[in-house]
Protein backbone atom coordinates (compact mmCIF):
# COMPACT_ATOMS: atom_id res chain seq x y z
CA MET A 1 165.80 143.08 97.93
CA ILE A 2 165.45 139.64 96.33
CA TYR A 3 168.13 136.96 96.43
CA PRO A 4 168.34 134.03 94.03
CA GLN A 5 167.76 130.65 95.62
CA SER A 6 171.22 129.48 94.65
CA GLU A 7 172.82 132.17 96.80
CA GLU A 8 173.80 130.88 100.21
CA ALA A 9 171.94 132.44 103.13
CA PRO A 10 173.96 134.94 105.19
CA SER A 11 175.94 133.37 108.00
CA LEU A 12 174.82 135.58 110.92
CA ALA A 13 171.32 134.17 111.18
CA THR A 14 172.06 130.68 109.90
CA HIS A 15 174.97 129.95 112.22
CA SER A 16 173.83 127.21 114.59
CA GLY A 17 175.64 128.91 117.48
CA PHE A 18 173.40 131.96 117.11
CA ARG A 19 170.24 129.83 117.21
CA GLY A 20 171.66 127.83 120.11
CA ARG A 21 172.30 130.99 122.11
CA LEU A 22 168.70 132.13 121.59
CA ALA A 23 167.35 128.74 122.66
CA ARG A 24 170.13 128.24 125.25
CA THR A 25 170.72 124.75 123.99
CA PRO A 26 173.60 123.04 125.79
CA LEU A 27 176.38 122.05 123.42
CA SER A 28 178.21 119.58 125.64
CA GLY A 29 175.48 118.05 127.79
CA GLU A 30 175.99 120.68 130.49
CA GLU A 31 173.94 123.72 131.21
CA GLY A 32 174.43 126.75 133.39
CA CYS A 33 171.69 127.15 135.97
CA GLY A 34 171.86 130.00 138.45
CA GLY A 35 175.64 130.20 138.20
CA HIS A 36 176.10 126.46 138.63
CA ILE A 37 176.80 123.80 136.02
CA SER A 38 174.40 120.88 136.03
CA ALA A 39 174.31 117.83 133.79
CA THR A 40 171.33 117.40 131.49
CA ARG A 41 169.83 114.08 130.48
CA SER A 42 169.87 113.23 126.77
CA ASP A 43 166.06 113.04 126.66
CA ASP A 44 165.94 116.55 128.20
CA HIS A 45 168.28 117.75 125.45
CA LEU A 46 166.00 116.29 122.74
CA ALA A 47 162.94 117.85 124.38
CA ARG A 48 164.72 121.22 124.48
CA MET A 49 165.69 120.93 120.81
CA GLU A 50 162.02 120.36 119.96
CA GLY A 51 160.78 123.14 122.24
CA ARG A 52 158.92 120.84 124.63
CA ILE A 53 160.88 122.04 127.69
CA TRP A 54 161.14 125.77 128.32
CA PRO A 55 164.63 126.75 129.42
CA MET A 56 164.74 129.21 132.31
CA VAL A 57 167.41 131.46 130.79
CA ALA A 58 166.69 131.33 127.04
CA HIS A 59 165.31 134.09 124.85
CA THR A 60 162.89 131.69 123.15
CA MET A 61 160.93 128.63 124.18
CA ILE A 62 160.43 127.26 120.67
CA GLY A 63 163.65 125.22 120.47
CA LEU A 64 166.06 124.68 117.60
CA LYS A 65 163.69 122.54 115.53
CA ARG A 66 161.16 125.37 115.29
CA LEU A 67 163.90 127.99 114.83
CA ASP A 68 165.07 125.94 111.85
CA ASN A 69 161.52 126.03 110.46
CA LEU A 70 161.27 129.77 111.09
CA GLN A 71 164.58 130.27 109.29
CA PHE A 72 163.27 128.27 106.32
CA CYS A 73 160.06 130.34 106.18
CA VAL A 74 161.81 133.72 106.37
CA ASP A 75 164.43 132.60 103.85
CA GLU A 76 161.70 131.47 101.44
CA ALA A 77 159.84 134.77 101.80
CA ILE A 78 162.99 136.77 101.11
CA THR A 79 164.37 134.68 98.25
CA ASN A 80 160.97 134.41 96.52
CA GLY A 81 160.16 138.10 96.83
CA VAL A 82 157.16 137.69 99.13
CA ARG A 83 156.44 141.20 100.37
CA GLY A 84 155.41 142.22 103.86
CA ASP A 85 156.50 142.52 107.45
CA LEU A 86 157.16 139.69 109.92
CA ILE A 87 155.42 139.10 113.26
CA GLU A 88 155.91 136.97 116.35
CA THR A 89 152.77 136.47 118.41
CA GLY A 90 152.83 135.10 121.93
CA VAL A 91 156.28 136.58 122.32
CA TRP A 92 157.49 135.38 125.75
CA ARG A 93 161.04 136.84 125.65
CA GLY A 94 161.13 137.67 121.94
CA GLY A 95 163.75 135.18 120.76
CA ALA A 96 161.97 134.37 117.49
CA ALA A 97 161.60 138.09 116.76
CA ILE A 98 165.30 138.62 117.53
CA PHE A 99 166.11 135.79 115.13
CA MET A 100 163.89 137.20 112.36
CA ARG A 101 165.45 140.64 112.80
CA ALA A 102 168.93 139.10 112.61
CA MET A 103 167.97 137.34 109.38
CA LEU A 104 166.72 140.59 107.85
CA LYS A 105 169.92 142.34 108.89
CA ALA A 106 172.08 139.53 107.51
CA TYR A 107 170.27 139.74 104.18
CA GLY A 108 170.52 143.53 104.16
CA VAL A 109 166.73 143.88 104.08
CA THR A 110 165.74 147.36 105.26
CA ASP A 111 162.17 147.67 103.97
CA ARG A 112 160.52 145.24 106.42
CA CYS A 113 159.64 145.50 110.09
CA VAL A 114 159.46 142.76 112.69
CA TRP A 115 156.41 143.17 114.92
CA VAL A 116 155.84 141.51 118.29
CA ALA A 117 152.48 140.97 120.00
CA ASP A 118 151.55 139.41 123.31
CA SER A 119 148.52 139.44 125.58
CA PHE A 120 150.71 139.36 128.72
CA GLU A 121 148.07 137.04 130.15
CA GLY A 122 150.27 133.96 130.35
């Protein structure tokens, strides 16, 4: 299925709240940690957005900046008719794969798979 570039991307995968939940990015400067609320420093927030600090409870360690880039890449592949499956390597908890699968679902793409691969060596 190919979508024209002028068509707006589906809202499920592009909604910033969805990406934020995968990356567990605090919205108000506070973050849940083991059932407790703790304040985060603004430089910690920026580092999390860029994927330089791995959150303990997130589904991905890549941060919102890289999720935005991943969204751009998948969107370009779909809208430009680039064929093939998608893969996340070095999976950790699979957040990027979850995001790619959500994008495919939002676009109604049913002829592609999302593969995950990890060495489980650290």
